[in-house]
Amino acid sequence: MKFFTVTLIALLASVDAVQASTNCRYLPGDPLWPSKFEWNLLNKTLGGRLIATEPPLAHVCHDPTYDEAKCQEYRTQWQFAPIQWVA
């Protein structure tokens, strides 16, 4: 239990530090995106209510699922939350 508490505190502290230092949005695969272990740990504390974005929201802006029209929709929304899912 002590390991769990220490790990959770460290995870939350790192999230606060990242949020305080930048306005960027991180996506799965980015260096600051939580590892599977960190994601599962946080998800467990929230009763399994996190929703993993698989594929990442802007997958239509990258190969192999690139779609110019759908990517442009994301570009127009990217500054605003919540962003709408483009299938």
N, C-alpha and C. Protein backbone atom coordinates (compact mmCIF):
# COMPACT_ATOMS: atom_id res chain seq x y z
N MET A 1 0.82 -1.19 0.00
CA MET A 1 0.00 0.00 0.00
C MET A 1 0.87 1.26 0.00
N LYS A 2 2.00 1.20 0.73
CA LYS A 2 2.88 2.36 0.79
C LYS A 2 3.46 2.67 -0.59
N PHE A 3 3.86 1.63 -1.33
CA PHE A 3 4.40 1.82 -2.69
C PHE A 3 3.35 2.50 -3.58
N PHE A 4 2.12 2.03 -3.48
CA PHE A 4 1.02 2.59 -4.27
C PHE A 4 0.85 4.07 -3.96
N THR A 5 0.85 4.43 -2.70
CA THR A 5 0.66 5.83 -2.29
C THR A 5 1.82 6.70 -2.77
N VAL A 6 3.04 6.23 -2.60
CA VAL A 6 4.22 6.99 -3.03
C VAL A 6 4.21 7.17 -4.54
N THR A 7 3.87 6.12 -5.27
CA THR A 7 3.83 6.18 -6.73
C THR A 7 2.76 7.16 -7.20
N LEU A 8 1.60 7.11 -6.57
CA LEU A 8 0.51 8.02 -6.94
C LEU A 8 0.90 9.47 -6.68
N ILE A 9 1.52 9.74 -5.56
CA ILE A 9 1.95 11.10 -5.25
C ILE A 9 2.97 11.59 -6.27
N ALA A 10 3.91 10.73 -6.63
CA ALA A 10 4.93 11.10 -7.63
C ALA A 10 4.28 11.38 -8.98
N LEU A 11 3.33 10.55 -9.37
CA LEU A 11 2.64 10.73 -10.64
C LEU A 11 1.88 12.05 -10.67
N LEU A 12 1.15 12.32 -9.62
CA LEU A 12 0.37 13.56 -9.56
C LEU A 12 1.28 14.78 -9.53
N ALA A 13 2.39 14.69 -8.85
CA ALA A 13 3.34 15.81 -8.80
C ALA A 13 3.91 16.08 -10.18
N SER A 14 4.23 15.02 -10.92
CA SER A 14 4.79 15.22 -12.26
C SER A 14 3.74 15.80 -13.20
N VAL A 15 2.50 15.41 -13.05
CA VAL A 15 1.42 15.97 -13.88
C VAL A 15 1.26 17.45 -13.59
N ASP A 16 1.27 17.83 -12.33
CA ASP A 16 1.16 19.25 -11.96
C ASP A 16 2.32 20.06 -12.54
N ALA A 17 3.53 19.51 -12.48
CA ALA A 17 4.71 20.21 -12.99
C ALA A 17 4.60 20.41 -14.49
N VAL A 18 4.14 19.41 -15.21
CA VAL A 18 3.99 19.51 -16.66
C VAL A 18 2.92 20.54 -17.00
N GLN A 19 1.79 20.50 -16.31
CA GLN A 19 0.71 21.44 -16.60
C GLN A 19 1.14 22.87 -16.32
N ALA A 20 1.95 23.07 -15.29
CA ALA A 20 2.38 24.41 -14.93
C ALA A 20 3.39 24.97 -15.92
N SER A 21 4.11 24.10 -16.63
CA SER A 21 5.19 24.57 -17.48
C SER A 21 4.83 24.70 -18.95
N THR A 22 3.66 24.25 -19.36
CA THR A 22 3.35 24.25 -20.79
C THR A 22 1.85 24.28 -21.04
N ASN A 23 1.50 24.66 -22.24
CA ASN A 23 0.10 24.61 -22.66
C ASN A 23 -0.12 23.54 -23.70
N CYS A 24 0.86 22.65 -23.90
CA CYS A 24 0.77 21.62 -24.92
C CYS A 24 -0.19 20.52 -24.52
N ARG A 25 -0.71 19.85 -25.52
CA ARG A 25 -1.52 18.65 -25.31
C ARG A 25 -0.66 17.46 -25.70
N TYR A 26 -0.62 16.48 -24.84
CA TYR A 26 0.18 15.29 -25.11
C TYR A 26 -0.71 14.18 -25.61
N LEU A 27 -0.16 13.37 -26.51
CA LEU A 27 -0.88 12.26 -27.10
C LEU A 27 -0.14 10.96 -26.81
N PRO A 28 -0.85 9.83 -26.91
CA PRO A 28 -0.16 8.55 -26.74
C PRO A 28 1.05 8.47 -27.66
N GLY A 29 2.16 8.02 -27.10
CA GLY A 29 3.40 7.94 -27.85
C GLY A 29 4.33 9.11 -27.61
N ASP A 30 3.80 10.24 -27.12
CA ASP A 30 4.65 11.38 -26.78
C ASP A 30 5.48 11.04 -25.54
N PRO A 31 6.68 11.61 -25.42
CA PRO A 31 7.55 11.28 -24.28
C PRO A 31 6.91 11.53 -22.91
N LEU A 32 6.05 12.54 -22.79
CA LEU A 32 5.45 12.84 -21.49
C LEU A 32 4.09 12.17 -21.27
N TRP A 33 3.64 11.37 -22.24
CA TRP A 33 2.40 10.61 -22.05
C TRP A 33 2.68 9.52 -21.02
N PRO A 34 1.75 9.26 -20.10
CA PRO A 34 2.01 8.23 -19.08
C PRO A 34 2.25 6.85 -19.69
N SER A 35 3.14 6.11 -19.05
CA SER A 35 3.38 4.73 -19.47
C SER A 35 2.12 3.92 -19.20
N LYS A 36 2.04 2.70 -19.74
CA LYS A 36 0.89 1.84 -19.47
C LYS A 36 0.73 1.62 -17.97
N PHE A 37 1.86 1.43 -17.28
CA PHE A 37 1.81 1.22 -15.83
C PHE A 37 1.22 2.44 -15.13
N GLU A 38 1.71 3.65 -15.47
CA GLU A 38 1.20 4.88 -14.85
C GLU A 38 -0.28 5.08 -15.18
N TRP A 39 -0.65 4.83 -16.44
CA TRP A 39 -2.04 4.99 -16.86
C TRP A 39 -2.94 4.05 -16.05
N ASN A 40 -2.54 2.78 -15.96
CA ASN A 40 -3.34 1.80 -15.22
C ASN A 40 -3.43 2.15 -13.75
N LEU A 41 -2.35 2.67 -13.18
CA LEU A 41 -2.36 3.07 -11.77
C LEU A 41 -3.34 4.22 -11.54
N LEU A 42 -3.25 5.23 -12.38
CA LEU A 42 -4.18 6.35 -12.27
C LEU A 42 -5.61 5.90 -12.51
N ASN A 43 -5.81 5.07 -13.52
CA ASN A 43 -7.15 4.58 -13.83
C ASN A 43 -7.74 3.80 -12.66
N LYS A 44 -6.91 3.04 -11.98
CA LYS A 44 -7.38 2.28 -10.83
C LYS A 44 -7.87 3.22 -9.72
N THR A 45 -7.17 4.33 -9.51
CA THR A 45 -7.58 5.27 -8.47
C THR A 45 -8.90 5.97 -8.83
N LEU A 46 -9.23 5.97 -10.11
CA LEU A 46 -10.46 6.63 -10.57
C LEU A 46 -11.58 5.63 -10.85
N GLY A 47 -11.41 4.41 -10.37
CA GLY A 47 -12.45 3.40 -10.53
C GLY A 47 -12.60 2.92 -11.97
N GLY A 48 -11.54 2.99 -12.77
CA GLY A 48 -11.60 2.49 -14.13
C GLY A 48 -12.34 3.39 -15.09
N ARG A 49 -12.42 4.69 -14.81
CA ARG A 49 -13.22 5.60 -15.64
C ARG A 49 -12.43 6.37 -16.69
N LEU A 50 -11.10 6.19 -16.76
CA LEU A 50 -10.34 6.87 -17.81
C LEU A 50 -10.66 6.25 -19.17
N ILE A 51 -10.63 7.07 -20.19
CA ILE A 51 -10.87 6.60 -21.55
C ILE A 51 -9.59 6.79 -22.34
N ALA A 52 -9.00 5.71 -22.78
CA ALA A 52 -7.78 5.79 -23.58
C ALA A 52 -8.14 6.21 -24.99
N THR A 53 -7.39 7.17 -25.53
CA THR A 53 -7.65 7.60 -26.90
C THR A 53 -6.81 6.76 -27.84
N GLU A 54 -7.38 5.70 -28.31
CA GLU A 54 -6.70 4.82 -29.25
C GLU A 54 -7.59 4.68 -30.48
N PRO A 55 -7.23 5.13 -31.63
CA PRO A 55 -5.99 5.83 -31.94
C PRO A 55 -6.02 7.25 -31.40
N PRO A 56 -4.88 7.93 -31.39
CA PRO A 56 -4.86 9.32 -30.93
C PRO A 56 -5.85 10.17 -31.71
N LEU A 57 -6.34 11.22 -31.08
CA LEU A 57 -7.35 12.06 -31.71
C LEU A 57 -6.99 12.50 -33.12
N ALA A 58 -5.79 12.95 -33.33
CA ALA A 58 -5.42 13.50 -34.64
C ALA A 58 -4.79 12.46 -35.56
N HIS A 59 -5.19 11.23 -35.43
CA HIS A 59 -4.61 10.18 -36.27
C HIS A 59 -4.82 10.45 -37.75
N VAL A 60 -5.86 11.21 -38.09
CA VAL A 60 -6.14 11.50 -39.50
C VAL A 60 -5.13 12.50 -40.08
N CYS A 61 -4.26 13.05 -39.25
CA CYS A 61 -3.23 13.97 -39.73
C CYS A 61 -1.90 13.27 -39.97
N HIS A 62 -1.87 11.94 -39.79
CA HIS A 62 -0.63 11.18 -39.92
C HIS A 62 -0.88 9.88 -40.68
N ASP A 63 0.15 9.43 -41.37
CA ASP A 63 0.06 8.12 -42.03
C ASP A 63 -0.05 7.04 -40.97
N PRO A 64 -0.72 5.96 -41.19
CA PRO A 64 -1.31 5.52 -42.45
C PRO A 64 -2.76 5.95 -42.62
N THR A 65 -3.31 6.75 -41.72
CA THR A 65 -4.73 7.12 -41.80
C THR A 65 -4.91 8.58 -42.21
N TYR A 66 -3.92 9.16 -42.90
CA TYR A 66 -3.97 10.57 -43.29
C TYR A 66 -5.18 10.86 -44.17
N ASP A 67 -5.89 11.95 -43.81
CA ASP A 67 -7.05 12.41 -44.58
C ASP A 67 -7.04 13.94 -44.49
N GLU A 68 -6.72 14.61 -45.59
CA GLU A 68 -6.56 16.06 -45.58
C GLU A 68 -7.78 16.80 -45.04
N ALA A 69 -8.99 16.45 -45.49
CA ALA A 69 -10.20 17.16 -45.06
C ALA A 69 -10.44 16.99 -43.56
N LYS A 70 -10.32 15.75 -43.06
CA LYS A 70 -10.54 15.50 -41.64
C LYS A 70 -9.45 16.13 -40.79
N CYS A 71 -8.23 16.11 -41.30
CA CYS A 71 -7.13 16.74 -40.57
C CYS A 71 -7.38 18.25 -40.44
N GLN A 72 -7.87 18.86 -41.48
CA GLN A 72 -8.16 20.29 -41.44
C GLN A 72 -9.23 20.59 -40.39
N GLU A 73 -10.22 19.70 -40.22
CA GLU A 73 -11.23 19.88 -39.16
C GLU A 73 -10.55 19.97 -37.80
N TYR A 74 -9.58 19.09 -37.56
CA TYR A 74 -8.85 19.12 -36.29
C TYR A 74 -8.05 20.39 -36.13
N ARG A 75 -7.42 20.83 -37.20
CA ARG A 75 -6.62 22.05 -37.11
C ARG A 75 -7.48 23.24 -36.70
N THR A 76 -8.71 23.29 -37.16
CA THR A 76 -9.57 24.42 -36.80
C THR A 76 -10.08 24.33 -35.36
N GLN A 77 -10.10 23.13 -34.79
CA GLN A 77 -10.61 22.93 -33.43
C GLN A 77 -9.53 22.80 -32.37
N TRP A 78 -8.29 22.60 -32.76
CA TRP A 78 -7.25 22.16 -31.84
C TRP A 78 -7.09 23.08 -30.62
N GLN A 79 -7.31 24.37 -30.78
CA GLN A 79 -7.15 25.31 -29.67
C GLN A 79 -8.29 25.24 -28.67
N PHE A 80 -9.37 24.62 -29.04
CA PHE A 80 -10.58 24.66 -28.22
C PHE A 80 -10.90 23.29 -27.64
N ALA A 81 -11.34 23.27 -26.41
CA ALA A 81 -11.75 22.01 -25.77
C ALA A 81 -13.25 22.10 -25.58
N PRO A 82 -14.00 21.05 -25.66
CA PRO A 82 -13.51 19.74 -26.09
C PRO A 82 -13.44 19.64 -27.60
N ILE A 83 -12.47 18.94 -28.05
CA ILE A 83 -12.29 18.70 -29.49
C ILE A 83 -13.27 17.61 -29.92
N GLN A 84 -13.81 17.70 -31.09
CA GLN A 84 -14.77 16.71 -31.56
C GLN A 84 -14.06 15.55 -32.24
N TRP A 85 -14.52 14.35 -31.99
CA TRP A 85 -13.94 13.15 -32.59
C TRP A 85 -14.28 13.10 -34.06
N VAL A 86 -13.27 12.91 -34.91
CA VAL A 86 -13.47 12.75 -36.35
C VAL A 86 -13.11 11.33 -36.69
N ALA A 87 -14.09 10.54 -37.09
CA ALA A 87 -13.83 9.13 -37.39
C ALA A 87 -13.23 8.97 -38.76
